Amino acid sequence: MKINLIVIGKKMPDWIQTGIHHYQKQLPASLNFNLIALEVQKRKGKNIEHIKELEGELLIKATTGSNLIIAFDERGKQHIVPNL
């Protein structure tokens, strides 16, 4: 099984990196776990809704071919996404 954790942004706070590494160590060795960090869109002078659309498109491209996609919003609410 392959698990990709896809995030927007390459500069994560230390507590997030620590949490990812903590739980990654608990996964069985047979799982192929990857952390994929996508580039943040430049925000200066742009509409936030437009930026969300651009980053959403990047996320969709990164999940192409996935069997199951589980997305979390900024508050941690889970969203199961149908296969694209």
Protein backbone atom coordinates (compact mmCIF):
# COMPACT_ATOMS: atom_id res chain seq x y z
CA MET A 1 0.00 0.00 0.00
CA LYS A 2 1.17 3.50 -0.78
CA ILE A 3 0.29 6.53 1.36
CA ASN A 4 1.05 10.07 0.19
CA LEU A 5 0.64 12.93 2.64
CA ILE A 6 0.32 15.99 0.41
CA VAL A 7 0.73 19.44 1.93
CA ILE A 8 0.84 22.98 0.63
CA GLY A 9 4.06 24.67 1.66
CA LYS A 10 7.55 23.47 2.41
CA LYS A 11 8.08 25.34 5.68
CA MET A 12 6.13 23.45 8.31
CA PRO A 13 6.37 24.35 11.99
CA ASP A 14 8.54 22.02 14.05
CA TRP A 15 5.54 20.59 15.93
CA ILE A 16 3.97 19.44 12.65
CA GLN A 17 7.19 17.83 11.42
CA THR A 18 7.61 16.12 14.79
CA GLY A 19 4.05 14.77 14.63
CA ILE A 20 4.48 13.46 11.10
CA HIS A 21 7.72 11.68 11.98
CA HIS A 22 6.20 10.27 15.19
CA TYR A 23 3.25 8.68 13.38
CA GLN A 24 5.34 7.65 10.38
CA LYS A 25 7.52 5.50 12.68
CA GLN A 26 4.39 3.71 13.90
CA LEU A 27 3.37 2.62 10.39
CA PRO A 28 4.23 -0.91 9.27
CA ALA A 29 7.41 -1.13 7.22
CA SER A 30 5.38 -2.60 4.34
CA LEU A 31 3.62 0.75 3.79
CA ASN A 32 5.21 3.11 1.31
CA PHE A 33 4.78 6.53 3.02
CA ASN A 34 5.74 9.74 1.22
CA LEU A 35 5.49 13.37 2.27
CA ILE A 36 4.86 15.56 -0.78
CA ALA A 37 5.16 19.32 -0.23
CA LEU A 38 3.67 21.47 -2.98
CA GLU A 39 4.72 25.06 -3.63
CA VAL A 40 2.69 27.79 -1.97
CA GLN A 41 1.14 30.20 -4.47
CA LYS A 42 2.35 33.79 -4.26
CA ARG A 43 -0.22 35.71 -2.24
CA LYS A 44 0.95 39.29 -2.65
CA GLY A 45 -1.71 41.30 -4.46
CA LYS A 46 -3.88 38.28 -5.32
CA ASN A 47 -7.43 37.36 -4.37
CA ILE A 48 -7.44 34.61 -1.72
CA GLU A 49 -10.22 32.71 -3.54
CA HIS A 50 -8.09 32.62 -6.70
CA ILE A 51 -5.13 31.32 -4.69
CA LYS A 52 -7.33 28.58 -3.18
CA GLU A 53 -8.39 27.55 -6.68
CA LEU A 54 -4.79 27.37 -7.89
CA GLU A 55 -3.67 25.34 -4.88
CA GLY A 56 -6.72 23.10 -5.24
CA GLU A 57 -5.71 22.36 -8.83
CA LEU A 58 -2.20 21.46 -7.64
CA LEU A 59 -3.67 19.07 -5.06
CA ILE A 60 -5.92 17.42 -7.65
CA LYS A 61 -2.96 16.91 -10.01
CA ALA A 62 -0.92 15.43 -7.15
CA THR A 63 -3.66 12.89 -6.38
CA THR A 64 -4.16 11.66 -9.94
CA GLY A 65 -4.43 7.88 -9.95
CA SER A 66 -5.21 7.61 -6.23
CA ASN A 67 -7.75 5.07 -5.05
CA LEU A 68 -8.88 7.06 -2.01
CA ILE A 69 -8.41 10.70 -1.11
CA ILE A 70 -9.02 12.02 2.39
CA ALA A 71 -8.74 15.77 2.75
CA PHE A 72 -8.67 17.85 5.91
CA ASP A 73 -9.53 21.52 6.10
CA GLU A 74 -7.66 24.05 8.23
CA ARG A 75 -9.80 23.14 11.26
CA GLY A 76 -9.06 19.40 10.94
CA LYS A 77 -12.48 18.47 9.57
CA GLN A 78 -12.25 15.35 7.39
CA HIS A 79 -13.66 15.22 3.85
CA ILE A 80 -13.75 11.98 1.86
CA VAL A 81 -13.25 12.88 -1.80
CA PRO A 82 -14.70 10.61 -4.50
CA ASN A 83 -12.24 9.19 -7.00
CA LEU A 84 -11.37 11.80 -9.61
